[in-house]
Amino acid sequence: MKQFKGCNKNWGYIYVWDSWKSGHGSFTASVAITRGDGSIDENSGARGQQEVWSNGANTLQFCTSAIGFVSGGHYGQTEERC
């Protein structure tokens, strides 16, 4: 999972590795940009989609991080970027 800045927005990105996918059943991946105040801009992929980008978030003026979820309780988060 990563966080990118571009086009005056923040973007989150998650990729589910082939090796993980092959050992698990059906899954859904989601990624979001989150701010310290709890605001979240989330986007979910289709079932089995390995690569998902968040919607562009107008959050360049805030400290943010990207957070990703894979169904079954798996998640990760980037360091906060200000």
PDB file of N, CA and C in Angstrom:
ATOM      1  N   MET A   1       0.831  -1.159   0.000  1.00  0.00           N
ATOM      2  CA  MET A   1       0.000   0.000   0.000  1.00  0.00           C
ATOM      3  C   MET A   1       0.887   1.237   0.000  1.00  0.00           C
ATOM      4  N   LYS A   2       0.436   2.263  -0.727  1.00  0.00           N
ATOM      5  CA  LYS A   2       1.196   3.504  -0.821  1.00  0.00           C
ATOM      6  C   LYS A   2       0.247   4.689  -0.869  1.00  0.00           C
ATOM      7  N   GLN A   3       0.809   5.867  -0.652  1.00  0.00           N
ATOM      8  CA  GLN A   3       0.090   7.127  -0.787  1.00  0.00           C
ATOM      9  C   GLN A   3       0.858   7.984  -1.781  1.00  0.00           C
ATOM     10  N   PHE A   4       0.125   8.585  -2.709  1.00  0.00           N
ATOM     11  CA  PHE A   4       0.737   9.439  -3.727  1.00  0.00           C
ATOM     12  C   PHE A   4       0.082  10.809  -3.731  1.00  0.00           C
ATOM     13  N   LYS A   5       0.850  11.806  -4.136  1.00  0.00           N
ATOM     14  CA  LYS A   5       0.333  13.159  -4.335  1.00  0.00           C
ATOM     15  C   LYS A   5       0.400  13.442  -5.825  1.00  0.00           C
ATOM     16  N   GLY A   6      -0.691  13.921  -6.407  1.00  0.00           N
ATOM     17  CA  GLY A   6      -0.702  14.273  -7.817  1.00  0.00           C
ATOM     18  C   GLY A   6      -2.000  14.953  -8.199  1.00  0.00           C
ATOM     19  N   CYS A   7      -1.926  15.835  -9.181  1.00  0.00           N
ATOM     20  CA  CYS A   7      -3.115  16.554  -9.662  1.00  0.00           C
ATOM     21  C   CYS A   7      -3.826  17.272  -8.519  1.00  0.00           C
ATOM     22  N   ASN A   8      -3.047  17.817  -7.569  1.00  0.00           N
ATOM     23  CA  ASN A   8      -3.565  18.572  -6.422  1.00  0.00           C
ATOM     24  C   ASN A   8      -4.452  17.735  -5.497  1.00  0.00           C
ATOM     25  N   LYS A   9      -4.204  16.421  -5.453  1.00  0.00           N
ATOM     26  CA  LYS A   9      -4.962  15.535  -4.578  1.00  0.00           C
ATOM     27  C   LYS A   9      -4.031  14.472  -4.000  1.00  0.00           C
ATOM     28  N   ASN A  10      -4.500  13.787  -2.957  1.00  0.00           N
ATOM     29  CA  ASN A  10      -3.832  12.609  -2.408  1.00  0.00           C
ATOM     30  C   ASN A  10      -4.550  11.368  -2.920  1.00  0.00           C
ATOM     31  N   TRP A  11      -3.772  10.322  -3.192  1.00  0.00           N
ATOM     32  CA  TRP A  11      -4.306   9.067  -3.722  1.00  0.00           C
ATOM     33  C   TRP A  11      -3.734   7.910  -2.911  1.00  0.00           C
ATOM     34  N   GLY A  12      -4.563   6.944  -2.589  1.00  0.00           N
ATOM     35  CA  GLY A  12      -4.111   5.720  -1.950  1.00  0.00           C
ATOM     36  C   GLY A  12      -4.093   4.597  -2.972  1.00  0.00           C
ATOM     37  N   TYR A  13      -3.221   3.613  -2.761  1.00  0.00           N
ATOM     38  CA  TYR A  13      -3.059   2.496  -3.692  1.00  0.00           C
ATOM     39  C   TYR A  13      -2.788   1.227  -2.898  1.00  0.00           C
ATOM     40  N   ILE A  14      -3.441   0.137  -3.275  1.00  0.00           N
ATOM     41  CA  ILE A  14      -3.192  -1.151  -2.649  1.00  0.00           C
ATOM     42  C   ILE A  14      -3.048  -2.206  -3.741  1.00  0.00           C
ATOM     43  N   TYR A  15      -2.138  -3.150  -3.508  1.00  0.00           N
ATOM     44  CA  TYR A  15      -1.939  -4.269  -4.424  1.00  0.00           C
ATOM     45  C   TYR A  15      -1.890  -5.552  -3.605  1.00  0.00           C
ATOM     46  N   VAL A  16      -2.681  -6.544  -4.008  1.00  0.00           N
ATOM     47  CA  VAL A  16      -2.702  -7.847  -3.351  1.00  0.00           C
ATOM     48  C   VAL A  16      -1.787  -8.772  -4.144  1.00  0.00           C
ATOM     49  N   TRP A  17      -0.747  -9.279  -3.495  1.00  0.00           N
ATOM     50  CA  TRP A  17       0.249 -10.113  -4.166  1.00  0.00           C
ATOM     51  C   TRP A  17      -0.359 -11.424  -4.661  1.00  0.00           C
ATOM     52  N   ASP A  18       0.159 -11.918  -5.793  1.00  0.00           N
ATOM     53  CA  ASP A  18      -0.289 -13.192  -6.367  1.00  0.00           C
ATOM     54  C   ASP A  18      -0.155 -14.332  -5.360  1.00  0.00           C
ATOM     55  N   SER A  19       0.953 -14.348  -4.613  1.00  0.00           N
ATOM     56  CA  SER A  19       1.191 -15.434  -3.656  1.00  0.00           C
ATOM     57  C   SER A  19       0.129 -15.449  -2.561  1.00  0.00           C
ATOM     58  N   TRP A  20      -0.337 -14.284  -2.111  1.00  0.00           N
ATOM     59  CA  TRP A  20      -1.396 -14.230  -1.104  1.00  0.00           C
ATOM     60  C   TRP A  20      -2.723 -14.645  -1.732  1.00  0.00           C
ATOM     61  N   LYS A  21      -2.994 -14.119  -2.912  1.00  0.00           N
ATOM     62  CA  LYS A  21      -4.252 -14.419  -3.594  1.00  0.00           C
ATOM     63  C   LYS A  21      -4.416 -15.915  -3.837  1.00  0.00           C
ATOM     64  N   SER A  22      -3.338 -16.594  -4.224  1.00  0.00           N
ATOM     65  CA  SER A  22      -3.425 -18.019  -4.551  1.00  0.00           C
ATOM     66  C   SER A  22      -3.751 -18.885  -3.334  1.00  0.00           C
ATOM     67  N   GLY A  23      -3.462 -18.406  -2.131  1.00  0.00           N
ATOM     68  CA  GLY A  23      -3.723 -19.176  -0.924  1.00  0.00           C
ATOM     69  C   GLY A  23      -5.012 -18.819  -0.219  1.00  0.00           C
ATOM     70  N   HIS A  24      -5.778 -17.911  -0.807  1.00  0.00           N
ATOM     71  CA  HIS A  24      -7.013 -17.464  -0.163  1.00  0.00           C
ATOM     72  C   HIS A  24      -8.167 -17.548  -1.159  1.00  0.00           C
ATOM     73  N   GLY A  25      -9.326 -17.620  -0.630  1.00  0.00           N
ATOM     74  CA  GLY A  25     -10.519 -17.659  -1.477  1.00  0.00           C
ATOM     75  C   GLY A  25     -10.826 -16.279  -2.028  1.00  0.00           C
ATOM     76  N   SER A  26     -12.073 -16.063  -2.266  1.00  0.00           N
ATOM     77  CA  SER A  26     -12.533 -14.787  -2.792  1.00  0.00           C
ATOM     78  C   SER A  26     -12.259 -13.670  -1.774  1.00  0.00           C
ATOM     79  N   PHE A  27     -11.896 -12.503  -2.263  1.00  0.00           N
ATOM     80  CA  PHE A  27     -11.594 -11.376  -1.378  1.00  0.00           C
ATOM     81  C   PHE A  27     -12.002 -10.076  -2.054  1.00  0.00           C
ATOM     82  N   THR A  28     -12.105  -9.030  -1.257  1.00  0.00           N
ATOM     83  CA  THR A  28     -12.328  -7.682  -1.753  1.00  0.00           C
ATOM     84  C   THR A  28     -11.293  -6.773  -1.106  1.00  0.00           C
ATOM     85  N   ALA A  29     -10.638  -5.942  -1.916  1.00  0.00           N
ATOM     86  CA  ALA A  29      -9.644  -4.993  -1.412  1.00  0.00           C
ATOM     87  C   ALA A  29     -10.215  -3.579  -1.473  1.00  0.00           C
ATOM     88  N   SER A  30      -9.887  -2.784  -0.480  1.00  0.00           N
ATOM     89  CA  SER A  30     -10.317  -1.382  -0.407  1.00  0.00           C
ATOM     90  C   SER A  30      -9.130  -0.547   0.023  1.00  0.00           C
ATOM     91  N   VAL A  31      -9.133   0.711  -0.371  1.00  0.00           N
ATOM     92  CA  VAL A  31      -8.076   1.634   0.040  1.00  0.00           C
ATOM     93  C   VAL A  31      -8.701   2.996   0.294  1.00  0.00           C
ATOM     94  N   ALA A  32      -8.124   3.740   1.227  1.00  0.00           N
ATOM     95  CA  ALA A  32      -8.675   5.036   1.609  1.00  0.00           C
ATOM     96  C   ALA A  32      -7.555   6.001   1.963  1.00  0.00           C
ATOM     97  N   ILE A  33      -7.870   7.278   1.851  1.00  0.00           N
ATOM     98  CA  ILE A  33      -7.038   8.346   2.408  1.00  0.00           C
ATOM     99  C   ILE A  33      -7.733   8.783   3.687  1.00  0.00           C
ATOM    100  N   THR A  34      -6.981   8.863   4.776  1.00  0.00           N
ATOM    101  CA  THR A  34      -7.572   9.233   6.055  1.00  0.00           C
ATOM    102  C   THR A  34      -6.823  10.412   6.669  1.00  0.00           C
ATOM    103  N   ARG A  35      -7.556  11.267   7.344  1.00  0.00           N
ATOM    104  CA  ARG A  35      -6.983  12.416   8.048  1.00  0.00           C
ATOM    105  C   ARG A  35      -7.035  12.162   9.541  1.00  0.00           C
ATOM    106  N   GLY A  36      -6.257  12.933  10.284  1.00  0.00           N
ATOM    107  CA  GLY A  36      -6.225  12.792  11.731  1.00  0.00           C
ATOM    108  C   GLY A  36      -7.563  13.033  12.408  1.00  0.00           C
ATOM    109  N   ASP A  37      -8.454  13.795  11.753  1.00  0.00           N
ATOM    110  CA  ASP A  37      -9.759  14.076  12.364  1.00  0.00           C
ATOM    111  C   ASP A  37     -10.774  12.964  12.111  1.00  0.00           C
ATOM    112  N   GLY A  38     -10.337  11.882  11.454  1.00  0.00           N
ATOM    113  CA  GLY A  38     -11.207  10.745  11.225  1.00  0.00           C
ATOM    114  C   GLY A  38     -11.885  10.714   9.869  1.00  0.00           C
ATOM    115  N   SER A  39     -11.738  11.768   9.068  1.00  0.00           N
ATOM    116  CA  SER A  39     -12.347  11.785   7.739  1.00  0.00           C
ATOM    117  C   SER A  39     -11.678  10.746   6.842  1.00  0.00           C
ATOM    118  N   ILE A  40     -12.480  10.023   6.088  1.00  0.00           N
ATOM    119  CA  ILE A  40     -11.964   8.966   5.221  1.00  0.00           C
ATOM    120  C   ILE A  40     -12.601   9.075   3.840  1.00  0.00           C
ATOM    121  N   ASP A  41     -11.778   8.918   2.804  1.00  0.00           N
ATOM    122  CA  ASP A  41     -12.258   8.835   1.425  1.00  0.00           C
ATOM    123  C   ASP A  41     -11.870   7.455   0.917  1.00  0.00           C
ATOM    124  N   GLU A  42     -12.831   6.531   0.833  1.00  0.00           N
ATOM    125  CA  GLU A  42     -12.543   5.116   0.557  1.00  0.00           C
ATOM    126  C   GLU A  42     -13.058   4.702  -0.814  1.00  0.00           C
ATOM    127  N   ASN A  43     -12.366   3.732  -1.410  1.00  0.00           N
ATOM    128  CA  ASN A  43     -12.796   3.126  -2.669  1.00  0.00           C
ATOM    129  C   ASN A  43     -12.549   1.622  -2.579  1.00  0.00           C
ATOM    130  N   SER A  44     -13.539   0.823  -2.970  1.00  0.00           N
ATOM    131  CA  SER A  44     -13.406  -0.636  -2.960  1.00  0.00           C
ATOM    132  C   SER A  44     -13.333  -1.157  -4.381  1.00  0.00           C
ATOM    133  N   GLY A  45     -12.534  -2.197  -4.556  1.00  0.00           N
ATOM    134  CA  GLY A  45     -12.443  -2.850  -5.850  1.00  0.00           C
ATOM    135  C   GLY A  45     -13.511  -3.922  -5.997  1.00  0.00           C
ATOM    136  N   ALA A  46     -13.567  -4.497  -7.186  1.00  0.00           N
ATOM    137  CA  ALA A  46     -14.480  -5.619  -7.431  1.00  0.00           C
ATOM    138  C   ALA A  46     -13.921  -6.860  -6.736  1.00  0.00           C
ATOM    139  N   ARG A  47     -14.756  -7.844  -6.497  1.00  0.00           N
ATOM    140  CA  ARG A  47     -14.319  -9.083  -5.857  1.00  0.00           C
ATOM    141  C   ARG A  47     -13.174  -9.694  -6.665  1.00  0.00           C
ATOM    142  N   GLY A  48     -12.046  -9.972  -5.997  1.00  0.00           N
ATOM    143  CA  GLY A  48     -10.882 -10.558  -6.643  1.00  0.00           C
ATOM    144  C   GLY A  48      -9.949  -9.577  -7.331  1.00  0.00           C
ATOM    145  N   GLN A  49     -10.300  -8.292  -7.340  1.00  0.00           N
ATOM    146  CA  GLN A  49      -9.450  -7.275  -7.976  1.00  0.00           C
ATOM    147  C   GLN A  49      -8.197  -7.059  -7.135  1.00  0.00           C
ATOM    148  N   GLN A  50      -7.019  -7.215  -7.735  1.00  0.00           N
ATOM    149  CA  GLN A  50      -5.769  -7.155  -6.986  1.00  0.00           C
ATOM    150  C   GLN A  50      -5.231  -5.747  -6.818  1.00  0.00           C
ATOM    151  N   GLU A  51      -5.571  -4.827  -7.673  1.00  0.00           N
ATOM    152  CA  GLU A  51      -5.014  -3.472  -7.662  1.00  0.00           C
ATOM    153  C   GLU A  51      -6.165  -2.477  -7.554  1.00  0.00           C
ATOM    154  N   VAL A  52      -6.117  -1.621  -6.515  1.00  0.00           N
ATOM    155  CA  VAL A  52      -7.190  -0.650  -6.303  1.00  0.00           C
ATOM    156  C   VAL A  52      -6.583   0.706  -5.961  1.00  0.00           C
ATOM    157  N   TRP A  53      -7.094   1.761  -6.592  1.00  0.00           N
ATOM    158  CA  TRP A  53      -6.730   3.142  -6.282  1.00  0.00           C
ATOM    159  C   TRP A  53      -7.896   3.790  -5.550  1.00  0.00           C
ATOM    160  N   SER A  54      -7.589   4.659  -4.602  1.00  0.00           N
ATOM    161  CA  SER A  54      -8.647   5.419  -3.942  1.00  0.00           C
ATOM    162  C   SER A  54      -9.144   6.500  -4.892  1.00  0.00           C
ATOM    163  N   ASN A  55     -10.234   7.125  -4.509  1.00  0.00           N
ATOM    164  CA  ASN A  55     -10.647   8.341  -5.185  1.00  0.00           C
ATOM    165  C   ASN A  55      -9.644   9.420  -4.808  1.00  0.00           C
ATOM    166  N   GLY A  56      -9.463  10.407  -5.648  1.00  0.00           N
ATOM    167  CA  GLY A  56      -8.586  11.526  -5.302  1.00  0.00           C
ATOM    168  C   GLY A  56      -9.194  12.338  -4.173  1.00  0.00           C
ATOM    169  N   ALA A  57      -8.417  12.589  -3.127  1.00  0.00           N
ATOM    170  CA  ALA A  57      -8.921  13.326  -1.966  1.00  0.00           C
ATOM    171  C   ALA A  57      -8.314  14.723  -1.936  1.00  0.00           C
ATOM    172  N   ASN A  58      -9.136  15.730  -1.764  1.00  0.00           N
ATOM    173  CA  ASN A  58      -8.662  17.119  -1.668  1.00  0.00           C
ATOM    174  C   ASN A  58      -8.132  17.373  -0.258  1.00  0.00           C
ATOM    175  N   THR A  59      -6.990  16.756   0.053  1.00  0.00           N
ATOM    176  CA  THR A  59      -6.483  16.790   1.426  1.00  0.00           C
ATOM    177  C   THR A  59      -5.025  17.238   1.504  1.00  0.00           C
ATOM    178  N   LEU A  60      -4.515  17.924   0.495  1.00  0.00           N
ATOM    179  CA  LEU A  60      -3.102  18.310   0.522  1.00  0.00           C
ATOM    180  C   LEU A  60      -2.780  19.242   1.682  1.00  0.00           C
ATOM    181  N   GLN A  61      -3.767  19.962   2.193  1.00  0.00           N
ATOM    182  CA  GLN A  61      -3.529  20.889   3.299  1.00  0.00           C
ATOM    183  C   GLN A  61      -3.559  20.197   4.661  1.00  0.00           C
ATOM    184  N   PHE A  62      -3.804  18.885   4.688  1.00  0.00           N
ATOM    185  CA  PHE A  62      -3.911  18.123   5.934  1.00  0.00           C
ATOM    186  C   PHE A  62      -2.821  17.055   6.014  1.00  0.00           C
ATOM    187  N   CYS A  63      -2.572  16.576   7.214  1.00  0.00           N
ATOM    188  CA  CYS A  63      -1.721  15.399   7.397  1.00  0.00           C
ATOM    189  C   CYS A  63      -2.595  14.177   7.108  1.00  0.00           C
ATOM    190  N   THR A  64      -2.130  13.295   6.231  1.00  0.00           N
ATOM    191  CA  THR A  64      -2.927  12.149   5.813  1.00  0.00           C
ATOM    192  C   THR A  64      -2.084  10.884   5.779  1.00  0.00           C
ATOM    193  N   SER A  65      -2.767   9.754   5.739  1.00  0.00           N
ATOM    194  CA  SER A  65      -2.123   8.475   5.471  1.00  0.00           C
ATOM    195  C   SER A  65      -3.089   7.649   4.631  1.00  0.00           C
ATOM    196  N   ALA A  66      -2.546   6.640   3.975  1.00  0.00           N
ATOM    197  CA  ALA A  66      -3.385   5.707   3.225  1.00  0.00           C
ATOM    198  C   ALA A  66      -3.580   4.473   4.089  1.00  0.00           C
ATOM    199  N   ILE A  67      -4.775   3.930   4.027  1.00  0.00           N
ATOM    200  CA  ILE A  67      -5.078   2.715   4.767  1.00  0.00           C
ATOM    201  C   ILE A  67      -5.762   1.747   3.808  1.00  0.00           C
ATOM    202  N   GLY A  68      -5.345   0.496   3.852  1.00  0.00           N
ATOM    203  CA  GLY A  68      -5.898  -0.510   2.954  1.00  0.00           C
ATOM    204  C   GLY A  68      -6.483  -1.667   3.732  1.00  0.00           C
ATOM    205  N   PHE A  69      -7.520  -2.255   3.181  1.00  0.00           N
ATOM    206  CA  PHE A  69      -8.219  -3.370   3.803  1.00  0.00           C
ATOM    207  C   PHE A  69      -8.379  -4.486   2.785  1.00  0.00           C
ATOM    208  N   VAL A  70      -8.216  -5.719   3.216  1.00  0.00           N
ATOM    209  CA  VAL A  70      -8.562  -6.887   2.414  1.00  0.00           C
ATOM    210  C   VAL A  70      -9.516  -7.704   3.269  1.00  0.00           C
ATOM    211  N   SER A  71     -10.645  -8.100   2.681  1.00  0.00           N
ATOM    212  CA  SER A  71     -11.659  -8.815   3.454  1.00  0.00           C
ATOM    213  C   SER A  71     -11.033  -9.979   4.215  1.00  0.00           C
ATOM    214  N   GLY A  72     -11.559 -10.221   5.382  1.00  0.00           N
ATOM    215  CA  GLY A  72     -11.006 -11.240   6.266  1.00  0.00           C
ATOM    216  C   GLY A  72     -10.213 -10.626   7.404  1.00  0.00           C
ATOM    217  N   GLY A  73     -10.215  -9.295   7.503  1.00  0.00           N
ATOM    218  CA  GLY A  73      -9.570  -8.629   8.623  1.00  0.00           C
ATOM    219  C   GLY A  73      -8.129  -8.223   8.404  1.00  0.00           C
ATOM    220  N   HIS A  74      -7.642  -8.246   7.190  1.00  0.00           N
ATOM    221  CA  HIS A  74      -6.269  -7.844   6.904  1.00  0.00           C
ATOM    222  C   HIS A  74      -6.240  -6.361   6.543  1.00  0.00           C
ATOM    223  N   TYR A  75      -5.289  -5.630   7.109  1.00  0.00           N
ATOM    224  CA  TYR A  75      -5.190  -4.207   6.803  1.00  0.00           C
ATOM    225  C   TYR A  75      -3.762  -3.725   6.996  1.00  0.00           C
ATOM    226  N   GLY A  76      -3.489  -2.563   6.465  1.00  0.00           N
ATOM    227  CA  GLY A  76      -2.200  -1.913   6.640  1.00  0.00           C
ATOM    228  C   GLY A  76      -2.381  -0.414   6.471  1.00  0.00           C
ATOM    229  N   GLN A  77      -1.380   0.336   6.915  1.00  0.00           N
ATOM    230  CA  GLN A  77      -1.472   1.792   6.853  1.00  0.00           C
ATOM    231  C   GLN A  77      -0.095   2.361   6.592  1.00  0.00           C
ATOM    232  N   THR A  78      -0.036   3.404   5.761  1.00  0.00           N
ATOM    233  CA  THR A  78       1.226   4.103   5.513  1.00  0.00           C
ATOM    234  C   THR A  78       1.524   5.059   6.653  1.00  0.00           C
ATOM    235  N   GLU A  79       2.739   5.555   6.688  1.00  0.00           N
ATOM    236  CA  GLU A  79       3.066   6.616   7.647  1.00  0.00           C
ATOM    237  C   GLU A  79       2.322   7.869   7.260  1.00  0.00           C
ATOM    238  N   GLU A  80       2.080   8.734   8.235  1.00  0.00           N
ATOM    239  CA  GLU A  80       1.391   9.981   7.990  1.00  0.00           C
ATOM    240  C   GLU A  80       2.283  10.940   7.213  1.00  0.00           C
ATOM    241  N   ARG A  81       1.713  11.599   6.228  1.00  0.00           N
ATOM    242  CA  ARG A  81       2.421  12.604   5.432  1.00  0.00           C
ATOM    243  C   ARG A  81       1.755  13.952   5.651  1.00  0.00           C
ATOM    244  N   CYS A  82       2.561  14.960   5.980  1.00  0.00           N
ATOM    245  CA  CYS A  82       2.021  16.309   6.193  1.00  0.00           C
ATOM    246  C   CYS A  82       2.479  17.256   5.088  1.00  0.00           C
TER     247      CYS A  82
END
